PDB file of N, CA and C in Angstrom:
ATOM      1  N   UNK A   1     -36.214  18.523  79.040  1.00  0.00           N
ATOM      2  CA  UNK A   1     -35.861  17.889  77.797  1.00  0.00           C
ATOM      3  C   UNK A   1     -34.365  17.842  77.584  1.00  0.00           C
ATOM      4  N   UNK A   2     -33.715  18.944  77.903  1.00  0.00           N
ATOM      5  CA  UNK A   2     -32.270  18.985  77.693  1.00  0.00           C
ATOM      6  C   UNK A   2     -31.563  17.979  78.592  1.00  0.00           C
ATOM      7  N   UNK A   3     -32.149  17.712  79.788  1.00  0.00           N
ATOM      8  CA  UNK A   3     -31.529  16.721  80.663  1.00  0.00           C
ATOM      9  C   UNK A   3     -31.574  15.341  80.041  1.00  0.00           C
ATOM     10  N   UNK A   4     -32.669  15.014  79.390  1.00  0.00           N
ATOM     11  CA  UNK A   4     -32.787  13.715  78.738  1.00  0.00           C
ATOM     12  C   UNK A   4     -31.784  13.589  77.603  1.00  0.00           C
ATOM     13  N   UNK A   5     -31.584  14.626  76.814  1.00  0.00           N
ATOM     14  CA  UNK A   5     -30.616  14.588  75.723  1.00  0.00           C
ATOM     15  C   UNK A   5     -29.192  14.518  76.256  1.00  0.00           C
ATOM     16  N   UNK A   6     -28.967  15.294  77.334  1.00  0.00           N
ATOM     17  CA  UNK A   6     -27.624  15.279  77.930  1.00  0.00           C
ATOM     18  C   UNK A   6     -27.268  13.903  78.435  1.00  0.00           C
ATOM     19  N   UNK A   7     -28.240  13.225  79.052  1.00  0.00           N
ATOM     20  CA  UNK A   7     -28.004  11.875  79.536  1.00  0.00           C
ATOM     21  C   UNK A   7     -27.745  10.926  78.401  1.00  0.00           C
ATOM     22  N   UNK A   8     -28.480  11.072  77.316  1.00  0.00           N
ATOM     23  CA  UNK A   8     -28.289  10.194  76.160  1.00  0.00           C
ATOM     24  C   UNK A   8     -26.927  10.438  75.536  1.00  0.00           C
ATOM     25  N   UNK A   9     -26.519  11.693  75.488  1.00  0.00           N
ATOM     26  CA  UNK A   9     -25.211  12.024  74.915  1.00  0.00           C
ATOM     27  C   UNK A   9     -24.097  11.445  75.779  1.00  0.00           C
ATOM     28  N   UNK A  10     -24.232  11.539  77.076  1.00  0.00           N
ATOM     29  CA  UNK A  10     -23.225  10.996  77.977  1.00  0.00           C
ATOM     30  C   UNK A  10     -23.129   9.489  77.801  1.00  0.00           C
ATOM     31  N   UNK A  11     -24.281   8.803  77.672  1.00  0.00           N
ATOM     32  CA  UNK A  11     -24.251   7.363  77.476  1.00  0.00           C
ATOM     33  C   UNK A  11     -23.601   7.000  76.149  1.00  0.00           C
ATOM     34  N   UNK A  12     -23.895   7.789  75.133  1.00  0.00           N
ATOM     35  CA  UNK A  12     -23.287   7.514  73.830  1.00  0.00           C
ATOM     36  C   UNK A  12     -21.786   7.722  73.883  1.00  0.00           C
ATOM     37  N   UNK A  13     -21.359   8.812  74.525  1.00  0.00           N
ATOM     38  CA  UNK A  13     -19.921   9.067  74.656  1.00  0.00           C
ATOM     39  C   UNK A  13     -19.242   7.995  75.502  1.00  0.00           C
ATOM     40  N   UNK A  14     -19.927   7.589  76.587  1.00  0.00           N
ATOM     41  CA  UNK A  14     -19.365   6.548  77.436  1.00  0.00           C
ATOM     42  C   UNK A  14     -19.202   5.253  76.673  1.00  0.00           C
ATOM     43  N   UNK A  15     -20.196   4.884  75.900  1.00  0.00           N
ATOM     44  CA  UNK A  15     -20.116   3.679  75.089  1.00  0.00           C
ATOM     45  C   UNK A  15     -19.014   3.795  74.066  1.00  0.00           C
ATOM     46  N   UNK A  16     -18.870   4.936  73.468  1.00  0.00           N
ATOM     47  CA  UNK A  16     -17.836   5.175  72.476  1.00  0.00           C
ATOM     48  C   UNK A  16     -16.453   5.068  73.122  1.00  0.00           C
ATOM     49  N   UNK A  17     -16.284   5.634  74.298  1.00  0.00           N
ATOM     50  CA  UNK A  17     -15.014   5.567  75.013  1.00  0.00           C
ATOM     51  C   UNK A  17     -14.683   4.133  75.394  1.00  0.00           C
ATOM     52  N   UNK A  18     -15.695   3.409  75.871  1.00  0.00           N
ATOM     53  CA  UNK A  18     -15.469   2.005  76.221  1.00  0.00           C
ATOM     54  C   UNK A  18     -15.031   1.209  75.001  1.00  0.00           C
ATOM     55  N   UNK A  19     -15.660   1.475  73.880  1.00  0.00           N
ATOM     56  CA  UNK A  19     -15.286   0.768  72.647  1.00  0.00           C
ATOM     57  C   UNK A  19     -13.845   1.082  72.257  1.00  0.00           C
ATOM     58  N   UNK A  20     -13.473   2.344  72.419  1.00  0.00           N
ATOM     59  CA  UNK A  20     -12.093   2.740  72.091  1.00  0.00           C
ATOM     60  C   UNK A  20     -11.086   2.046  73.009  1.00  0.00           C
ATOM     61  N   UNK A  21     -11.414   1.990  74.298  1.00  0.00           N
ATOM     62  CA  UNK A  21     -10.521   1.329  75.260  1.00  0.00           C
ATOM     63  C   UNK A  21     -10.409  -0.153  74.932  1.00  0.00           C
ATOM     64  N   UNK A  22     -11.525  -0.789  74.655  1.00  0.00           N
ATOM     65  CA  UNK A  22     -11.497  -2.211  74.304  1.00  0.00           C
ATOM     66  C   UNK A  22     -10.684  -2.439  73.042  1.00  0.00           C
ATOM     67  N   UNK A  23     -10.844  -1.549  72.056  1.00  0.00           N
ATOM     68  CA  UNK A  23     -10.074  -1.668  70.814  1.00  0.00           C
ATOM     69  C   UNK A  23      -8.581  -1.501  71.063  1.00  0.00           C
ATOM     70  N   UNK A  24      -8.219  -0.538  71.929  1.00  0.00           N
ATOM     71  CA  UNK A  24      -6.805  -0.314  72.232  1.00  0.00           C
ATOM     72  C   UNK A  24      -6.208  -1.516  72.951  1.00  0.00           C
ATOM     73  N   UNK A  25      -6.926  -2.061  73.900  1.00  0.00           N
ATOM     74  CA  UNK A  25      -6.452  -3.238  74.628  1.00  0.00           C
ATOM     75  C   UNK A  25      -6.297  -4.416  73.673  1.00  0.00           C
ATOM     76  N   UNK A  26      -7.243  -4.578  72.759  1.00  0.00           N
ATOM     77  CA  UNK A  26      -7.156  -5.650  71.772  1.00  0.00           C
ATOM     78  C   UNK A  26      -5.958  -5.452  70.859  1.00  0.00           C
ATOM     79  N   UNK A  27      -5.663  -4.196  70.459  1.00  0.00           N
ATOM     80  CA  UNK A  27      -4.516  -3.909  69.599  1.00  0.00           C
ATOM     81  C   UNK A  27      -3.203  -4.222  70.309  1.00  0.00           C
ATOM     82  N   UNK A  28      -3.119  -3.890  71.585  1.00  0.00           N
ATOM     83  CA  UNK A  28      -1.898  -4.181  72.348  1.00  0.00           C
ATOM     84  C   UNK A  28      -1.693  -5.679  72.453  1.00  0.00           C
ATOM     85  N   UNK A  29      -2.760  -6.404  72.674  1.00  0.00           N
ATOM     86  CA  UNK A  29      -2.661  -7.858  72.746  1.00  0.00           C
ATOM     87  C   UNK A  29      -2.213  -8.465  71.424  1.00  0.00           C
ATOM     88  N   UNK A  30      -2.540  -7.802  70.315  1.00  0.00           N
ATOM     89  CA  UNK A  30      -2.127  -8.286  68.996  1.00  0.00           C
ATOM     90  C   UNK A  30      -0.667  -7.980  68.701  1.00  0.00           C
ATOM     91  N   UNK A  31      -0.067  -7.041  69.429  1.00  0.00           N
ATOM     92  CA  UNK A  31       1.316  -6.636  69.183  1.00  0.00           C
ATOM     93  C   UNK A  31       2.146  -6.857  70.449  1.00  0.00           C
ATOM     94  N   UNK A  32       2.686  -8.057  70.643  1.00  0.00           N
ATOM     95  CA  UNK A  32       3.416  -8.348  71.886  1.00  0.00           C
ATOM     96  C   UNK A  32       4.711  -7.540  72.029  1.00  0.00           C
ATOM     97  N   UNK A  33       5.312  -7.128  70.919  1.00  0.00           N
ATOM     98  CA  UNK A  33       6.546  -6.333  71.005  1.00  0.00           C
ATOM     99  C   UNK A  33       6.248  -4.992  71.658  1.00  0.00           C
ATOM    100  N   UNK A  34       5.137  -4.366  71.268  1.00  0.00           N
ATOM    101  CA  UNK A  34       4.747  -3.091  71.879  1.00  0.00           C
ATOM    102  C   UNK A  34       4.447  -3.287  73.360  1.00  0.00           C
ATOM    103  N   UNK A  35       3.862  -4.407  73.700  1.00  0.00           N
ATOM    104  CA  UNK A  35       3.556  -4.703  75.093  1.00  0.00           C
ATOM    105  C   UNK A  35       4.841  -4.830  75.912  1.00  0.00           C
ATOM    106  N   UNK A  36       5.824  -5.532  75.379  1.00  0.00           N
ATOM    107  CA  UNK A  36       7.107  -5.691  76.072  1.00  0.00           C
ATOM    108  C   UNK A  36       7.817  -4.342  76.190  1.00  0.00           C
ATOM    109  N   UNK A  37       7.830  -3.560  75.082  1.00  0.00           N
ATOM    110  CA  UNK A  37       8.483  -2.250  75.106  1.00  0.00           C
ATOM    111  C   UNK A  37       7.824  -1.337  76.130  1.00  0.00           C
ATOM    112  N   UNK A  38       6.502  -1.368  76.197  1.00  0.00           N
ATOM    113  CA  UNK A  38       5.792  -0.575  77.190  1.00  0.00           C
ATOM    114  C   UNK A  38       6.124  -1.015  78.602  1.00  0.00           C
ATOM    115  N   UNK A  39       6.239  -2.314  78.809  1.00  0.00           N
ATOM    116  CA  UNK A  39       6.598  -2.836  80.126  1.00  0.00           C
ATOM    117  C   UNK A  39       7.997  -2.423  80.543  1.00  0.00           C
ATOM    118  N   UNK A  40       8.928  -2.460  79.600  1.00  0.00           N
ATOM    119  CA  UNK A  40      10.308  -2.038  79.900  1.00  0.00           C
ATOM    120  C   UNK A  40      10.334  -0.558  80.240  1.00  0.00           C
ATOM    121  N   UNK A  41       9.639   0.260  79.443  1.00  0.00           N
ATOM    122  CA  UNK A  41       9.592   1.703  79.709  1.00  0.00           C
ATOM    123  C   UNK A  41       8.979   1.986  81.074  1.00  0.00           C
ATOM    124  N   UNK A  42       7.931   1.274  81.407  1.00  0.00           N
ATOM    125  CA  UNK A  42       7.298   1.451  82.712  1.00  0.00           C
ATOM    126  C   UNK A  42       8.252   1.034  83.831  1.00  0.00           C
ATOM    127  N   UNK A  43       8.977  -0.055  83.634  1.00  0.00           N
ATOM    128  CA  UNK A  43       9.940  -0.501  84.641  1.00  0.00           C
ATOM    129  C   UNK A  43      11.062   0.503  84.850  1.00  0.00           C
ATOM    130  N   UNK A  44      11.549   1.092  83.766  1.00  0.00           N
ATOM    131  CA  UNK A  44      12.609   2.108  83.882  1.00  0.00           C
ATOM    132  C   UNK A  44      12.086   3.321  84.632  1.00  0.00           C
ATOM    133  N   UNK A  45      10.876   3.734  84.302  1.00  0.00           N
ATOM    134  CA  UNK A  45      10.274   4.892  84.978  1.00  0.00           C
ATOM    135  C   UNK A  45      10.108   4.628  86.471  1.00  0.00           C
ATOM    136  N   UNK A  46       9.596   3.473  86.817  1.00  0.00           N
ATOM    137  CA  UNK A  46       9.421   3.129  88.229  1.00  0.00           C
ATOM    138  C   UNK A  46      10.784   3.051  88.927  1.00  0.00           C
ATOM    139  N   UNK A  47      11.765   2.472  88.249  1.00  0.00           N
ATOM    140  CA  UNK A  47      13.102   2.376  88.827  1.00  0.00           C
ATOM    141  C   UNK A  47      13.724   3.738  89.091  1.00  0.00           C
ATOM    142  N   UNK A  48      13.422   4.702  88.232  1.00  0.00           N
ATOM    143  CA  UNK A  48      13.954   6.044  88.438  1.00  0.00           C
ATOM    144  C   UNK A  48      13.267   6.758  89.591  1.00  0.00           C
ATOM    145  N   UNK A  49      12.028   6.432  89.836  1.00  0.00           N
ATOM    146  CA  UNK A  49      11.269   7.111  90.877  1.00  0.00           C
ATOM    147  C   UNK A  49      11.533   6.551  92.275  1.00  0.00           C
ATOM    148  N   UNK A  50      11.910   5.299  92.371  1.00  0.00           N
ATOM    149  CA  UNK A  50      12.146   4.680  93.668  1.00  0.00           C
ATOM    150  C   UNK A  50      13.552   5.056  94.143  1.00  0.00           C
ATOM    151  N   UNK A  51      13.679   5.559  95.364  1.00  0.00           N
ATOM    152  CA  UNK A  51      15.006   5.934  95.865  1.00  0.00           C
ATOM    153  C   UNK A  51      15.901   4.704  96.050  1.00  0.00           C
ATOM    154  N   UNK A  52      17.189   4.906  95.845  1.00  0.00           N
ATOM    155  CA  UNK A  52      18.132   3.790  95.986  1.00  0.00           C
ATOM    156  C   UNK A  52      18.401   3.508  97.458  1.00  0.00           C
ATOM    157  N   UNK A  53      18.474   2.265  97.775  1.00  0.00           N
ATOM    158  CA  UNK A  53      18.750   1.845  99.146  1.00  0.00           C
ATOM    159  C   UNK A  53      20.261   1.833  99.377  1.00  0.00           C
ATOM    160  N   UNK A  54      20.652   1.923 100.621  1.00  0.00           N
ATOM    161  CA  UNK A  54      22.072   1.930 100.971  1.00  0.00           C
ATOM    162  C   UNK A  54      22.736   0.621 100.538  1.00  0.00           C
ATOM    163  N   UNK A  55      22.055  -0.482 100.702  1.00  0.00           N
ATOM    164  CA  UNK A  55      22.609  -1.792 100.327  1.00  0.00           C
ATOM    165  C   UNK A  55      22.823  -1.853  98.821  1.00  0.00           C
ATOM    166  N   UNK A  56      21.888  -1.293  98.067  1.00  0.00           N
ATOM    167  CA  UNK A  56      22.013  -1.282  96.611  1.00  0.00           C
ATOM    168  C   UNK A  56      23.249  -0.473  96.202  1.00  0.00           C
ATOM    169  N   UNK A  57      23.437   0.677  96.818  1.00  0.00           N
ATOM    170  CA  UNK A  57      24.626   1.493  96.533  1.00  0.00           C
ATOM    171  C   UNK A  57      25.890   0.728  96.884  1.00  0.00           C
ATOM    172  N   UNK A  58      25.861   0.075  98.035  1.00  0.00           N
ATOM    173  CA  UNK A  58      27.033  -0.676  98.497  1.00  0.00           C
ATOM    174  C   UNK A  58      27.402  -1.772  97.503  1.00  0.00           C
ATOM    175  N   UNK A  59      26.407  -2.425  96.937  1.00  0.00           N
ATOM    176  CA  UNK A  59      26.661  -3.532  96.014  1.00  0.00           C
ATOM    177  C   UNK A  59      26.985  -3.064  94.598  1.00  0.00           C
ATOM    178  N   UNK A  60      26.340  -2.005  94.146  1.00  0.00           N
ATOM    179  CA  UNK A  60      26.472  -1.603  92.745  1.00  0.00           C
ATOM    180  C   UNK A  60      27.557  -0.566  92.477  1.00  0.00           C
ATOM    181  N   UNK A  61      27.951   0.221  93.467  1.00  0.00           N
ATOM    182  CA  UNK A  61      28.986   1.231  93.237  1.00  0.00           C
ATOM    183  C   UNK A  61      30.307   0.635  92.757  1.00  0.00           C
ATOM    184  N   UNK A  62      30.798  -0.454  93.359  1.00  0.00           N
ATOM    185  CA  UNK A  62      32.047  -1.036  92.852  1.00  0.00           C
ATOM    186  C   UNK A  62      31.924  -1.523  91.400  1.00  0.00           C
ATOM    187  N   UNK A  63      30.766  -2.056  91.061  1.00  0.00           N
ATOM    188  CA  UNK A  63      30.548  -2.523  89.689  1.00  0.00           C
ATOM    189  C   UNK A  63      30.590  -1.333  88.734  1.00  0.00           C
ATOM    190  N   UNK A  64      29.955  -0.243  89.127  1.00  0.00           N
ATOM    191  CA  UNK A  64      29.969   0.969  88.303  1.00  0.00           C
ATOM    192  C   UNK A  64      31.374   1.512  88.126  1.00  0.00           C
ATOM    193  N   UNK A  65      32.147   1.493  89.195  1.00  0.00           N
ATOM    194  CA  UNK A  65      33.543   1.972  89.104  1.00  0.00           C
ATOM    195  C   UNK A  65      34.362   1.095  88.166  1.00  0.00           C
ATOM    196  N   UNK A  66      34.186  -0.230  88.270  1.00  0.00           N
ATOM    197  CA  UNK A  66      34.921  -1.145  87.391  1.00  0.00           C
ATOM    198  C   UNK A  66      34.560  -0.899  85.927  1.00  0.00           C
ATOM    199  N   UNK A  67      33.278  -0.733  85.663  1.00  0.00           N
ATOM    200  CA  UNK A  67      32.840  -0.471  84.285  1.00  0.00           C
ATOM    201  C   UNK A  67      33.415   0.845  83.772  1.00  0.00           C
ATOM    202  N   UNK A  68      33.409   1.869  84.605  1.00  0.00           N
ATOM    203  CA  UNK A  68      33.959   3.168  84.201  1.00  0.00           C
ATOM    204  C   UNK A  68      35.459   3.064  83.940  1.00  0.00           C
ATOM    205  N   UNK A  69      36.176   2.333  84.801  1.00  0.00           N
ATOM    206  CA  UNK A  69      37.616   2.154  84.606  1.00  0.00           C
ATOM    207  C   UNK A  69      37.913   1.397  83.316  1.00  0.00           C
ATOM    208  N   UNK A  70      37.138   0.360  83.041  1.00  0.00           N
ATOM    209  CA  UNK A  70      37.341  -0.411  81.808  1.00  0.00           C
ATOM    210  C   UNK A  70      37.050   0.442  80.580  1.00  0.00           C
ATOM    211  N   UNK A  71      35.984   1.212  80.639  1.00  0.00           N
ATOM    212  CA  UNK A  71      35.642   2.082  79.511  1.00  0.00           C
ATOM    213  C   UNK A  71      36.742   3.109  79.285  1.00  0.00           C
ATOM    214  N   UNK A  72      37.290   3.631  80.359  1.00  0.00           N
ATOM    215  CA  UNK A  72      38.384   4.596  80.250  1.00  0.00           C
ATOM    216  C   UNK A  72      39.622   3.947  79.653  1.00  0.00           C
ATOM    217  N   UNK A  73      39.926   2.729  80.069  1.00  0.00           N
ATOM    218  CA  UNK A  73      41.079   1.999  79.526  1.00  0.00           C
ATOM    219  C   UNK A  73      40.909   1.727  78.042  1.00  0.00           C
ATOM    220  N   UNK A  74      39.718   1.332  77.654  1.00  0.00           N
ATOM    221  CA  UNK A  74      39.449   1.051  76.247  1.00  0.00           C
ATOM    222  C   UNK A  74      39.588   2.327  75.421  1.00  0.00           C
ATOM    223  N   UNK A  75      39.091   3.435  75.933  1.00  0.00           N
ATOM    224  CA  UNK A  75      39.187   4.705  75.216  1.00  0.00           C
ATOM    225  C   UNK A  75      40.649   5.118  75.051  1.00  0.00           C
ATOM    226  N   UNK A  76      41.459   4.945  76.108  1.00  0.00           N
ATOM    227  CA  UNK A  76      42.884   5.291  76.020  1.00  0.00           C
ATOM    228  C   UNK A  76      43.599   4.403  75.006  1.00  0.00           C
ATOM    229  N   UNK A  77      43.288   3.108  75.031  1.00  0.00           N
ATOM    230  CA  UNK A  77      43.917   2.183  74.090  1.00  0.00           C
ATOM    231  C   UNK A  77      43.535   2.526  72.652  1.00  0.00           C
ATOM    232  N   UNK A  78      42.287   2.863  72.424  1.00  0.00           N
ATOM    233  CA  UNK A  78      41.846   3.236  71.077  1.00  0.00           C
ATOM    234  C   UNK A  78      42.525   4.516  70.625  1.00  0.00           C
ATOM    235  N   UNK A  79      42.692   5.456  71.528  1.00  0.00           N
ATOM    236  CA  UNK A  79      43.367   6.719  71.209  1.00  0.00           C
ATOM    237  C   UNK A  79      44.821   6.467  70.824  1.00  0.00           C
ATOM    238  N   UNK A  80      45.496   5.637  71.597  1.00  0.00           N
ATOM    239  CA  UNK A  80      46.904   5.321  71.303  1.00  0.00           C
ATOM    240  C   UNK A  80      47.042   4.580  69.975  1.00  0.00           C
ATOM    241  N   UNK A  81      46.154   3.629  69.725  1.00  0.00           N
ATOM    242  CA  UNK A  81      46.202   2.877  68.467  1.00  0.00           C
ATOM    243  C   UNK A  81      45.975   3.810  67.284  1.00  0.00           C
ATOM    244  N   UNK A  82      45.033   4.719  67.416  1.00  0.00           N
ATOM    245  CA  UNK A  82      44.773   5.686  66.353  1.00  0.00           C
ATOM    246  C   UNK A  82      45.957   6.604  66.130  1.00  0.00           C
ATOM    247  N   UNK A  83      46.578   7.037  67.197  1.00  0.00           N
ATOM    248  CA  UNK A  83      47.751   7.914  67.101  1.00  0.00           C
ATOM    249  C   UNK A  83      48.898   7.193  66.400  1.00  0.00           C
ATOM    250  N   UNK A  84      49.107   5.929  66.730  1.00  0.00           N
ATOM    251  CA  UNK A  84      50.166   5.152  66.091  1.00  0.00           C
ATOM    252  C   UNK A  84      49.891   4.969  64.601  1.00  0.00           C
ATOM    253  N   UNK A  85      48.628   4.748  64.242  1.00  0.00           N
ATOM    254  CA  UNK A  85      48.265   4.598  62.826  1.00  0.00           C
ATOM    255  C   UNK A  85      48.536   5.893  62.066  1.00  0.00           C
ATOM    256  N   UNK A  86      48.169   7.009  62.656  1.00  0.00           N
ATOM    257  CA  UNK A  86      48.398   8.301  62.000  1.00  0.00           C
ATOM    258  C   UNK A  86      49.888   8.564  61.864  1.00  0.00           C
ATOM    259  N   UNK A  87      50.647   8.289  62.920  1.00  0.00           N
ATOM    260  CA  UNK A  87      52.101   8.483  62.860  1.00  0.00           C
ATOM    261  C   UNK A  87      52.731   7.605  61.786  1.00  0.00           C
ATOM    262  N   UNK A  88      52.213   6.392  61.613  1.00  0.00           N
ATOM    263  CA  UNK A  88      52.754   5.489  60.594  1.00  0.00           C
ATOM    264  C   UNK A  88      52.440   5.992  59.183  1.00  0.00           C
ATOM    265  N   UNK A  89      51.297   6.642  59.014  1.00  0.00           N
ATOM    266  CA  UNK A  89      50.912   7.134  57.694  1.00  0.00           C
ATOM    267  C   UNK A  89      51.632   8.421  57.313  1.00  0.00           C
ATOM    268  N   UNK A  90      51.920   9.273  58.287  1.00  0.00           N
ATOM    269  CA  UNK A  90      52.584  10.545  58.003  1.00  0.00           C
ATOM    270  C   UNK A  90      54.097  10.355  57.953  1.00  0.00           C
ATOM    271  N   UNK A  91      54.773  11.045  57.028  1.00  0.00           N
ATOM    272  CA  UNK A  91      56.232  10.921  56.987  1.00  0.00           C
ATOM    273  C   UNK A  91      56.859  11.616  58.196  1.00  0.00           C
ATOM    274  N   UNK A  92      58.038  11.156  58.572  1.00  0.00           N
ATOM    275  CA  UNK A  92      58.748  11.747  59.696  1.00  0.00           C
ATOM    276  C   UNK A  92      59.301  13.121  59.330  1.00  0.00           C
ATOM    277  N   UNK A  93      59.746  13.854  60.345  1.00  0.00           N
ATOM    278  CA  UNK A  93      60.283  15.193  60.117  1.00  0.00           C
ATOM    279  C   UNK A  93      61.520  15.153  59.241  1.00  0.00           C
ATOM    280  N   UNK A  94      62.404  14.198  59.501  1.00  0.00           N
ATOM    281  CA  UNK A  94      63.637  14.100  58.720  1.00  0.00           C
ATOM    282  C   UNK A  94      63.340  13.803  57.253  1.00  0.00           C
ATOM    283  N   UNK A  95      62.420  12.891  57.006  1.00  0.00           N
ATOM    284  CA  UNK A  95      62.062  12.539  55.633  1.00  0.00           C
ATOM    285  C   UNK A  95      61.433  13.738  54.925  1.00  0.00           C
ATOM    286  N   UNK A  96      60.643  14.512  55.642  1.00  0.00           N
ATOM    287  CA  UNK A  96      60.019  15.695  55.050  1.00  0.00           C
ATOM    288  C   UNK A  96      61.074  16.731  54.712  1.00  0.00           C
ATOM    289  N   UNK A  97      62.031  16.935  55.607  1.00  0.00           N
ATOM    290  CA  UNK A  97      63.121  17.895  55.344  1.00  0.00           C
ATOM    291  C   UNK A  97      63.914  17.477  54.118  1.00  0.00           C
ATOM    292  N   UNK A  98      64.198  16.188  54.007  1.00  0.00           N
ATOM    293  CA  UNK A  98      64.956  15.695  52.857  1.00  0.00           C
ATOM    294  C   UNK A  98      64.174  15.921  51.560  1.00  0.00           C
ATOM    295  N   UNK A  99      62.893  15.679  51.585  1.00  0.00           N
ATOM    296  CA  UNK A  99      62.068  15.868  50.383  1.00  0.00           C
ATOM    297  C   UNK A  99      62.007  17.344  49.993  1.00  0.00           C
ATOM    298  N   UNK A 100      61.853  18.228  50.967  1.00  0.00           N
ATOM    299  CA  UNK A 100      61.806  19.663  50.681  1.00  0.00           C
ATOM    300  C   UNK A 100      63.158  20.119  50.129  1.00  0.00           C
ATOM    301  N   UNK A 101      64.249  19.646  50.723  1.00  0.00           N
ATOM    302  CA  UNK A 101      65.590  20.015  50.235  1.00  0.00           C
ATOM    303  C   UNK A 101      65.785  19.517  48.802  1.00  0.00           C
ATOM    304  N   UNK A 102      65.376  18.290  48.534  1.00  0.00           N
ATOM    305  CA  UNK A 102      65.517  17.741  47.183  1.00  0.00           C
ATOM    306  C   UNK A 102      64.662  18.528  46.195  1.00  0.00           C
ATOM    307  N   UNK A 103      63.465  18.877  46.571  1.00  0.00           N
ATOM    308  CA  UNK A 103      62.592  19.664  45.713  1.00  0.00           C
ATOM    309  C   UNK A 103      63.202  21.035  45.445  1.00  0.00           C
ATOM    310  N   UNK A 104      63.685  21.676  46.485  1.00  0.00           N
ATOM    311  CA  UNK A 104      64.315  22.986  46.332  1.00  0.00           C
ATOM    312  C   UNK A 104      65.535  22.894  45.429  1.00  0.00           C
ATOM    313  N   UNK A 105      66.333  21.845  45.633  1.00  0.00           N
ATOM    314  CA  UNK A 105      67.510  21.627  44.777  1.00  0.00           C
ATOM    315  C   UNK A 105      67.105  21.435  43.320  1.00  0.00           C
ATOM    316  N   UNK A 106      66.060  20.700  43.079  1.00  0.00           N
ATOM    317  CA  UNK A 106      65.570  20.493  41.714  1.00  0.00           C
ATOM    318  C   UNK A 106      65.107  21.800  41.088  1.00  0.00           C
ATOM    319  N   UNK A 107      64.436  22.620  41.861  1.00  0.00           N
ATOM    320  CA  UNK A 107      63.972  23.914  41.360  1.00  0.00           C
ATOM    321  C   UNK A 107      65.159  24.801  41.016  1.00  0.00           C
ATOM    322  N   UNK A 108      66.175  24.816  41.889  1.00  0.00           N
ATOM    323  CA  UNK A 108      67.376  25.627  41.643  1.00  0.00           C
ATOM    324  C   UNK A 108      68.085  25.121  40.392  1.00  0.00           C
ATOM    325  N   UNK A 109      68.229  23.823  40.249  1.00  0.00           N
ATOM    326  CA  UNK A 109      68.889  23.259  39.059  1.00  0.00           C
ATOM    327  C   UNK A 109      68.096  23.580  37.789  1.00  0.00           C
ATOM    328  N   UNK A 110      66.785  23.492  37.869  1.00  0.00           N
ATOM    329  CA  UNK A 110      65.964  23.819  36.706  1.00  0.00           C
ATOM    330  C   UNK A 110      66.110  25.286  36.337  1.00  0.00           C
ATOM    331  N   UNK A 111      66.195  26.141  37.318  1.00  0.00           N
ATOM    332  CA  UNK A 111      66.377  27.577  37.059  1.00  0.00           C
ATOM    333  C   UNK A 111      67.742  27.839  36.419  1.00  0.00           C
ATOM    334  N   UNK A 112      68.805  27.151  36.860  1.00  0.00           N
ATOM    335  CA  UNK A 112      70.145  27.311  36.267  1.00  0.00           C
ATOM    336  C   UNK A 112      70.132  26.847  34.821  1.00  0.00           C
ATOM    337  N   UNK A 113      69.508  25.713  34.558  1.00  0.00           N
ATOM    338  CA  UNK A 113      69.442  25.185  33.195  1.00  0.00           C
ATOM    339  C   UNK A 113      68.677  26.150  32.294  1.00  0.00           C
ATOM    340  N   UNK A 114      67.590  26.724  32.823  1.00  0.00           N
ATOM    341  CA  UNK A 114      66.805  27.659  32.019  1.00  0.00           C
ATOM    342  C   UNK A 114      67.620  28.912  31.729  1.00  0.00           C
ATOM    343  N   UNK A 115      68.455  29.354  32.659  1.00  0.00           N
ATOM    344  CA  UNK A 115      69.273  30.549  32.467  1.00  0.00           C
ATOM    345  C   UNK A 115      70.346  30.316  31.432  1.00  0.00           C
ATOM    346  N   UNK A 116      70.881  29.110  31.302  1.00  0.00           N
ATOM    347  CA  UNK A 116      71.920  28.774  30.344  1.00  0.00           C
ATOM    348  C   UNK A 116      71.371  28.800  28.914  1.00  0.00           C
ATOM    349  N   UNK A 117      70.160  28.389  28.771  1.00  0.00           N
ATOM    350  CA  UNK A 117      69.594  28.286  27.432  1.00  0.00           C
ATOM    351  C   UNK A 117      69.080  29.594  27.032  1.00  0.00           C
TER     352      UNK A 117
END
């Protein structure tokens, strides 16, 4: 008896699983963006697993070096531009010294005036 029930349960589970698979396939077909994203992810995974050929290295290494050099140049240029902007915003050493001297002179003069009164 238990064998008959076990068989019926397996058939019910199998039918249920088939229905779930059919539903999932139908859902993917309804959402083409998910299908494309899944395809891209699968392609990246396969690309990572396949070893690179010598010809591929020969062709792509110079391109990679050029891209790295350009990125480095852009980063250096951005750093220099930022440094120049900061230097333009901050007062120079001479101007700061003059301001501190003027402030100190004002404080000394104010102290003399206060002492007179």
